[in-house]
Amino acid sequence: MLALQKTRLQVREFSAAIAVKTVGLQFRGHGLSLGDRACMATGLLLQLSVVTAERNWAGLDVPGLKIELI
């Protein structure tokens, strides 16, 4: 936890609202995990960009979400 505190990252609670949004995100054939969709749902609800190294996110069109590949 100490290493995380030295970054500018913020830890967010996985709330009921995020859980509901996560379930609603369905992407057949893209191989997205529950964690992938939870990350996207969090970004959508908090109106933040999401950053990933997951190449299977490339080309996804999620209205209202900016996806940055690293």
PDB file of N, CA and C in Angstrom:
ATOM      1  N   MET A   1       0.821  -1.190   0.000  1.00  0.00           N
ATOM      2  CA  MET A   1       0.000   0.000   0.000  1.00  0.00           C
ATOM      3  C   MET A   1       0.867   1.256   0.000  1.00  0.00           C
ATOM      4  N   LEU A   2       2.006   1.203   0.637  1.00  0.00           N
ATOM      5  CA  LEU A   2       2.886   2.365   0.703  1.00  0.00           C
ATOM      6  C   LEU A   2       3.304   2.823  -0.697  1.00  0.00           C
ATOM      7  N   ALA A   3       3.623   1.875  -1.573  1.00  0.00           N
ATOM      8  CA  ALA A   3       4.022   2.233  -2.933  1.00  0.00           C
ATOM      9  C   ALA A   3       2.878   2.928  -3.660  1.00  0.00           C
ATOM     10  N   LEU A   4       1.658   2.477  -3.443  1.00  0.00           N
ATOM     11  CA  LEU A   4       0.503   3.093  -4.075  1.00  0.00           C
ATOM     12  C   LEU A   4       0.279   4.507  -3.561  1.00  0.00           C
ATOM     13  N   GLN A   5       0.543   4.733  -2.304  1.00  0.00           N
ATOM     14  CA  GLN A   5       0.367   6.063  -1.720  1.00  0.00           C
ATOM     15  C   GLN A   5       1.325   7.083  -2.323  1.00  0.00           C
ATOM     16  N   LYS A   6       2.440   6.631  -2.882  1.00  0.00           N
ATOM     17  CA  LYS A   6       3.411   7.534  -3.484  1.00  0.00           C
ATOM     18  C   LYS A   6       3.013   7.956  -4.892  1.00  0.00           C
ATOM     19  N   THR A   7       1.996   7.325  -5.445  1.00  0.00           N
ATOM     20  CA  THR A   7       1.527   7.682  -6.793  1.00  0.00           C
ATOM     21  C   THR A   7       0.368   8.668  -6.683  1.00  0.00           C
ATOM     22  N   ARG A   8      -0.081   9.124  -7.829  1.00  0.00           N
ATOM     23  CA  ARG A   8      -1.243  10.007  -7.857  1.00  0.00           C
ATOM     24  C   ARG A   8      -2.531   9.217  -8.085  1.00  0.00           C
ATOM     25  N   LEU A   9      -2.450   7.902  -8.035  1.00  0.00           N
ATOM     26  CA  LEU A   9      -3.626   7.073  -8.257  1.00  0.00           C
ATOM     27  C   LEU A   9      -4.580   7.167  -7.074  1.00  0.00           C
ATOM     28  N   GLN A  10      -5.853   7.084  -7.388  1.00  0.00           N
ATOM     29  CA  GLN A  10      -6.867   7.083  -6.346  1.00  0.00           C
ATOM     30  C   GLN A  10      -7.551   5.723  -6.327  1.00  0.00           C
ATOM     31  N   VAL A  11      -7.715   5.173  -5.161  1.00  0.00           N
ATOM     32  CA  VAL A  11      -8.414   3.903  -5.004  1.00  0.00           C
ATOM     33  C   VAL A  11      -9.894   4.213  -4.821  1.00  0.00           C
ATOM     34  N   ARG A  12     -10.733   3.528  -5.587  1.00  0.00           N
ATOM     35  CA  ARG A  12     -12.173   3.755  -5.527  1.00  0.00           C
ATOM     36  C   ARG A  12     -12.872   2.494  -5.049  1.00  0.00           C
ATOM     37  N   GLU A  13     -13.937   2.682  -4.317  1.00  0.00           N
ATOM     38  CA  GLU A  13     -14.768   1.575  -3.857  1.00  0.00           C
ATOM     39  C   GLU A  13     -15.539   0.992  -5.040  1.00  0.00           C
ATOM     40  N   PHE A  14     -15.670  -0.326  -5.063  1.00  0.00           N
ATOM     41  CA  PHE A  14     -16.510  -0.977  -6.070  1.00  0.00           C
ATOM     42  C   PHE A  14     -17.936  -0.930  -5.536  1.00  0.00           C
ATOM     43  N   SER A  15     -18.641   0.100  -5.943  1.00  0.00           N
ATOM     44  CA  SER A  15     -19.971   0.378  -5.397  1.00  0.00           C
ATOM     45  C   SER A  15     -21.050  -0.439  -6.114  1.00  0.00           C
ATOM     46  N   ALA A  16     -22.244  -0.393  -5.555  1.00  0.00           N
ATOM     47  CA  ALA A  16     -23.390  -1.055  -6.191  1.00  0.00           C
ATOM     48  C   ALA A  16     -23.661  -0.452  -7.566  1.00  0.00           C
ATOM     49  N   ALA A  17     -23.516   0.862  -7.694  1.00  0.00           N
ATOM     50  CA  ALA A  17     -23.746   1.522  -8.988  1.00  0.00           C
ATOM     51  C   ALA A  17     -22.748   1.028 -10.039  1.00  0.00           C
ATOM     52  N   ILE A  18     -21.500   0.857  -9.644  1.00  0.00           N
ATOM     53  CA  ILE A  18     -20.489   0.350 -10.581  1.00  0.00           C
ATOM     54  C   ILE A  18     -20.799  -1.103 -10.935  1.00  0.00           C
ATOM     55  N   ALA A  19     -21.228  -1.883  -9.961  1.00  0.00           N
ATOM     56  CA  ALA A  19     -21.570  -3.285 -10.215  1.00  0.00           C
ATOM     57  C   ALA A  19     -22.704  -3.398 -11.235  1.00  0.00           C
ATOM     58  N   VAL A  20     -23.736  -2.576 -11.072  1.00  0.00           N
ATOM     59  CA  VAL A  20     -24.869  -2.604 -11.997  1.00  0.00           C
ATOM     60  C   VAL A  20     -24.415  -2.201 -13.399  1.00  0.00           C
ATOM     61  N   LYS A  21     -23.596  -1.168 -13.498  1.00  0.00           N
ATOM     62  CA  LYS A  21     -23.086  -0.718 -14.797  1.00  0.00           C
ATOM     63  C   LYS A  21     -22.213  -1.800 -15.435  1.00  0.00           C
ATOM     64  N   THR A  22     -21.416  -2.488 -14.622  1.00  0.00           N
ATOM     65  CA  THR A  22     -20.534  -3.558 -15.098  1.00  0.00           C
ATOM     66  C   THR A  22     -21.344  -4.664 -15.759  1.00  0.00           C
ATOM     67  N   VAL A  23     -22.406  -5.080 -15.110  1.00  0.00           N
ATOM     68  CA  VAL A  23     -23.255  -6.147 -15.646  1.00  0.00           C
ATOM     69  C   VAL A  23     -23.867  -5.737 -16.975  1.00  0.00           C
ATOM     70  N   GLY A  24     -24.172  -4.458 -17.126  1.00  0.00           N
ATOM     71  CA  GLY A  24     -24.795  -3.971 -18.355  1.00  0.00           C
ATOM     72  C   GLY A  24     -23.857  -3.869 -19.541  1.00  0.00           C
ATOM     73  N   LEU A  25     -22.565  -3.926 -19.301  1.00  0.00           N
ATOM     74  CA  LEU A  25     -21.593  -3.836 -20.397  1.00  0.00           C
ATOM     75  C   LEU A  25     -21.334  -5.235 -20.953  1.00  0.00           C
ATOM     76  N   GLN A  26     -21.809  -5.477 -22.137  1.00  0.00           N
ATOM     77  CA  GLN A  26     -21.635  -6.779 -22.773  1.00  0.00           C
ATOM     78  C   GLN A  26     -20.938  -6.593 -24.112  1.00  0.00           C
ATOM     79  N   PHE A  27     -19.862  -7.319 -24.322  1.00  0.00           N
ATOM     80  CA  PHE A  27     -19.097  -7.237 -25.559  1.00  0.00           C
ATOM     81  C   PHE A  27     -18.807  -8.657 -26.034  1.00  0.00           C
ATOM     82  N   ARG A  28     -19.708  -9.225 -26.765  1.00  0.00           N
ATOM     83  CA  ARG A  28     -19.540 -10.594 -27.256  1.00  0.00           C
ATOM     84  C   ARG A  28     -18.351 -10.676 -28.212  1.00  0.00           C
ATOM     85  N   GLY A  29     -17.544 -11.698 -28.013  1.00  0.00           N
ATOM     86  CA  GLY A  29     -16.451 -11.961 -28.931  1.00  0.00           C
ATOM     87  C   GLY A  29     -15.191 -11.147 -28.717  1.00  0.00           C
ATOM     88  N   HIS A  30     -15.133 -10.345 -27.679  1.00  0.00           N
ATOM     89  CA  HIS A  30     -13.937  -9.537 -27.433  1.00  0.00           C
ATOM     90  C   HIS A  30     -13.079 -10.095 -26.312  1.00  0.00           C
ATOM     91  N   GLY A  31     -13.541 -11.119 -25.609  1.00  0.00           N
ATOM     92  CA  GLY A  31     -12.752 -11.745 -24.555  1.00  0.00           C
ATOM     93  C   GLY A  31     -12.516 -10.858 -23.352  1.00  0.00           C
ATOM     94  N   LEU A  32     -13.481  -9.993 -23.032  1.00  0.00           N
ATOM     95  CA  LEU A  32     -13.320  -9.095 -21.888  1.00  0.00           C
ATOM     96  C   LEU A  32     -13.714  -9.789 -20.596  1.00  0.00           C
ATOM     97  N   SER A  33     -12.903  -9.605 -19.591  1.00  0.00           N
ATOM     98  CA  SER A  33     -13.175 -10.198 -18.283  1.00  0.00           C
ATOM     99  C   SER A  33     -14.120  -9.312 -17.481  1.00  0.00           C
ATOM    100  N   LEU A  34     -14.565  -9.843 -16.359  1.00  0.00           N
ATOM    101  CA  LEU A  34     -15.380  -9.058 -15.437  1.00  0.00           C
ATOM    102  C   LEU A  34     -14.583  -7.837 -14.964  1.00  0.00           C
ATOM    103  N   GLY A  35     -13.298  -8.021 -14.706  1.00  0.00           N
ATOM    104  CA  GLY A  35     -12.439  -6.915 -14.283  1.00  0.00           C
ATOM    105  C   GLY A  35     -12.305  -5.845 -15.353  1.00  0.00           C
ATOM    106  N   ASP A  36     -12.210  -6.272 -16.621  1.00  0.00           N
ATOM    107  CA  ASP A  36     -12.153  -5.320 -17.733  1.00  0.00           C
ATOM    108  C   ASP A  36     -13.410  -4.458 -17.739  1.00  0.00           C
ATOM    109  N   ARG A  37     -14.555  -5.110 -17.639  1.00  0.00           N
ATOM    110  CA  ARG A  37     -15.822  -4.391 -17.685  1.00  0.00           C
ATOM    111  C   ARG A  37     -16.020  -3.526 -16.442  1.00  0.00           C
ATOM    112  N   ALA A  38     -15.515  -3.974 -15.297  1.00  0.00           N
ATOM    113  CA  ALA A  38     -15.607  -3.155 -14.080  1.00  0.00           C
ATOM    114  C   ALA A  38     -14.777  -1.886 -14.227  1.00  0.00           C
ATOM    115  N   CYS A  39     -13.615  -1.998 -14.845  1.00  0.00           N
ATOM    116  CA  CYS A  39     -12.784  -0.826 -15.098  1.00  0.00           C
ATOM    117  C   CYS A  39     -13.507   0.158 -16.012  1.00  0.00           C
ATOM    118  N   MET A  40     -14.106  -0.352 -17.071  1.00  0.00           N
ATOM    119  CA  MET A  40     -14.838   0.506 -17.997  1.00  0.00           C
ATOM    120  C   MET A  40     -16.031   1.163 -17.311  1.00  0.00           C
ATOM    121  N   ALA A  41     -16.762   0.393 -16.515  1.00  0.00           N
ATOM    122  CA  ALA A  41     -17.928   0.937 -15.809  1.00  0.00           C
ATOM    123  C   ALA A  41     -17.513   2.038 -14.850  1.00  0.00           C
ATOM    124  N   THR A  42     -16.396   1.852 -14.166  1.00  0.00           N
ATOM    125  CA  THR A  42     -15.896   2.872 -13.243  1.00  0.00           C
ATOM    126  C   THR A  42     -15.565   4.151 -14.005  1.00  0.00           C
ATOM    127  N   GLY A  43     -14.877   4.010 -15.131  1.00  0.00           N
ATOM    128  CA  GLY A  43     -14.550   5.168 -15.955  1.00  0.00           C
ATOM    129  C   GLY A  43     -15.785   5.898 -16.439  1.00  0.00           C
ATOM    130  N   LEU A  44     -16.782   5.137 -16.854  1.00  0.00           N
ATOM    131  CA  LEU A  44     -18.022   5.756 -17.329  1.00  0.00           C
ATOM    132  C   LEU A  44     -18.715   6.534 -16.223  1.00  0.00           C
ATOM    133  N   LEU A  45     -18.881   5.913 -15.066  1.00  0.00           N
ATOM    134  CA  LEU A  45     -19.611   6.561 -13.980  1.00  0.00           C
ATOM    135  C   LEU A  45     -18.870   7.755 -13.396  1.00  0.00           C
ATOM    136  N   LEU A  46     -17.532   7.686 -13.374  1.00  0.00           N
ATOM    137  CA  LEU A  46     -16.740   8.791 -12.820  1.00  0.00           C
ATOM    138  C   LEU A  46     -16.314   9.785 -13.895  1.00  0.00           C
ATOM    139  N   GLN A  47     -16.709   9.511 -15.139  1.00  0.00           N
ATOM    140  CA  GLN A  47     -16.370  10.358 -16.281  1.00  0.00           C
ATOM    141  C   GLN A  47     -14.855  10.554 -16.394  1.00  0.00           C
ATOM    142  N   LEU A  48     -14.148   9.427 -16.339  1.00  0.00           N
ATOM    143  CA  LEU A  48     -12.692   9.416 -16.452  1.00  0.00           C
ATOM    144  C   LEU A  48     -12.263   8.540 -17.621  1.00  0.00           C
ATOM    145  N   SER A  49     -11.103   8.825 -18.179  1.00  0.00           N
ATOM    146  CA  SER A  49     -10.507   7.938 -19.175  1.00  0.00           C
ATOM    147  C   SER A  49     -10.014   6.685 -18.472  1.00  0.00           C
ATOM    148  N   VAL A  50      -9.971   5.588 -19.222  1.00  0.00           N
ATOM    149  CA  VAL A  50      -9.383   4.363 -18.689  1.00  0.00           C
ATOM    150  C   VAL A  50      -8.112   4.060 -19.474  1.00  0.00           C
ATOM    151  N   VAL A  51      -7.142   3.508 -18.798  1.00  0.00           N
ATOM    152  CA  VAL A  51      -5.848   3.205 -19.406  1.00  0.00           C
ATOM    153  C   VAL A  51      -5.607   1.712 -19.281  1.00  0.00           C
ATOM    154  N   THR A  52      -5.226   1.080 -20.385  1.00  0.00           N
ATOM    155  CA  THR A  52      -5.025  -0.362 -20.378  1.00  0.00           C
ATOM    156  C   THR A  52      -3.916  -0.764 -21.343  1.00  0.00           C
ATOM    157  N   ALA A  53      -3.358  -1.923 -21.103  1.00  0.00           N
ATOM    158  CA  ALA A  53      -2.419  -2.535 -22.038  1.00  0.00           C
ATOM    159  C   ALA A  53      -3.091  -3.710 -22.751  1.00  0.00           C
ATOM    160  N   GLU A  54      -4.384  -3.905 -22.496  1.00  0.00           N
ATOM    161  CA  GLU A  54      -5.138  -5.002 -23.105  1.00  0.00           C
ATOM    162  C   GLU A  54      -5.453  -4.673 -24.560  1.00  0.00           C
ATOM    163  N   ARG A  55      -4.827  -5.364 -25.485  1.00  0.00           N
ATOM    164  CA  ARG A  55      -5.003  -5.077 -26.910  1.00  0.00           C
ATOM    165  C   ARG A  55      -6.410  -5.430 -27.399  1.00  0.00           C
ATOM    166  N   ASN A  56      -7.116  -6.309 -26.677  1.00  0.00           N
ATOM    167  CA  ASN A  56      -8.464  -6.651 -27.128  1.00  0.00           C
ATOM    168  C   ASN A  56      -9.464  -5.516 -26.876  1.00  0.00           C
ATOM    169  N   TRP A  57      -9.032  -4.445 -26.210  1.00  0.00           N
ATOM    170  CA  TRP A  57      -9.878  -3.268 -26.038  1.00  0.00           C
ATOM    171  C   TRP A  57      -9.800  -2.343 -27.251  1.00  0.00           C
ATOM    172  N   ALA A  58      -8.789  -2.530 -28.078  1.00  0.00           N
ATOM    173  CA  ALA A  58      -8.615  -1.673 -29.253  1.00  0.00           C
ATOM    174  C   ALA A  58      -9.831  -1.790 -30.157  1.00  0.00           C
ATOM    175  N   GLY A  59     -10.315  -0.673 -30.606  1.00  0.00           N
ATOM    176  CA  GLY A  59     -11.451  -0.667 -31.509  1.00  0.00           C
ATOM    177  C   GLY A  59     -12.812  -0.763 -30.840  1.00  0.00           C
ATOM    178  N   LEU A  60     -12.840  -0.918 -29.518  1.00  0.00           N
ATOM    179  CA  LEU A  60     -14.134  -0.935 -28.837  1.00  0.00           C
ATOM    180  C   LEU A  60     -14.750   0.456 -28.885  1.00  0.00           C
ATOM    181  N   ASP A  61     -16.013   0.515 -29.158  1.00  0.00           N
ATOM    182  CA  ASP A  61     -16.727   1.788 -29.166  1.00  0.00           C
ATOM    183  C   ASP A  61     -17.689   1.794 -27.989  1.00  0.00           C
ATOM    184  N   VAL A  62     -17.273   2.455 -26.928  1.00  0.00           N
ATOM    185  CA  VAL A  62     -18.102   2.566 -25.727  1.00  0.00           C
ATOM    186  C   VAL A  62     -18.492   4.035 -25.603  1.00  0.00           C
ATOM    187  N   PRO A  63     -19.734   4.365 -25.940  1.00  0.00           N
ATOM    188  CA  PRO A  63     -20.157   5.769 -25.881  1.00  0.00           C
ATOM    189  C   PRO A  63     -19.902   6.390 -24.502  1.00  0.00           C
ATOM    190  N   GLY A  64     -19.230   7.538 -24.512  1.00  0.00           N
ATOM    191  CA  GLY A  64     -18.959   8.245 -23.266  1.00  0.00           C
ATOM    192  C   GLY A  64     -17.682   7.831 -22.563  1.00  0.00           C
ATOM    193  N   LEU A  65     -16.924   6.889 -23.157  1.00  0.00           N
ATOM    194  CA  LEU A  65     -15.709   6.403 -22.511  1.00  0.00           C
ATOM    195  C   LEU A  65     -14.503   6.582 -23.432  1.00  0.00           C
ATOM    196  N   LYS A  66     -13.453   7.199 -22.898  1.00  0.00           N
ATOM    197  CA  LYS A  66     -12.199   7.322 -23.636  1.00  0.00           C
ATOM    198  C   LYS A  66     -11.268   6.222 -23.157  1.00  0.00           C
ATOM    199  N   ILE A  67     -10.824   5.368 -24.081  1.00  0.00           N
ATOM    200  CA  ILE A  67      -9.917   4.271 -23.769  1.00  0.00           C
ATOM    201  C   ILE A  67      -8.545   4.622 -24.323  1.00  0.00           C
ATOM    202  N   GLU A  68      -7.533   4.584 -23.449  1.00  0.00           N
ATOM    203  CA  GLU A  68      -6.155   4.853 -23.854  1.00  0.00           C
ATOM    204  C   GLU A  68      -5.349   3.567 -23.750  1.00  0.00           C
ATOM    205  N   LEU A  69      -4.792   3.131 -24.864  1.00  0.00           N
ATOM    206  CA  LEU A  69      -3.933   1.945 -24.881  1.00  0.00           C
ATOM    207  C   LEU A  69      -2.493   2.373 -24.642  1.00  0.00           C
ATOM    208  N   ILE A  70      -1.802   1.628 -23.782  1.00  0.00           N
ATOM    209  CA  ILE A  70      -0.379   1.912 -23.532  1.00  0.00           C
ATOM    210  C   ILE A  70       0.468   0.782 -24.067  1.00  0.00           C
TER     211      ILE A  70
END
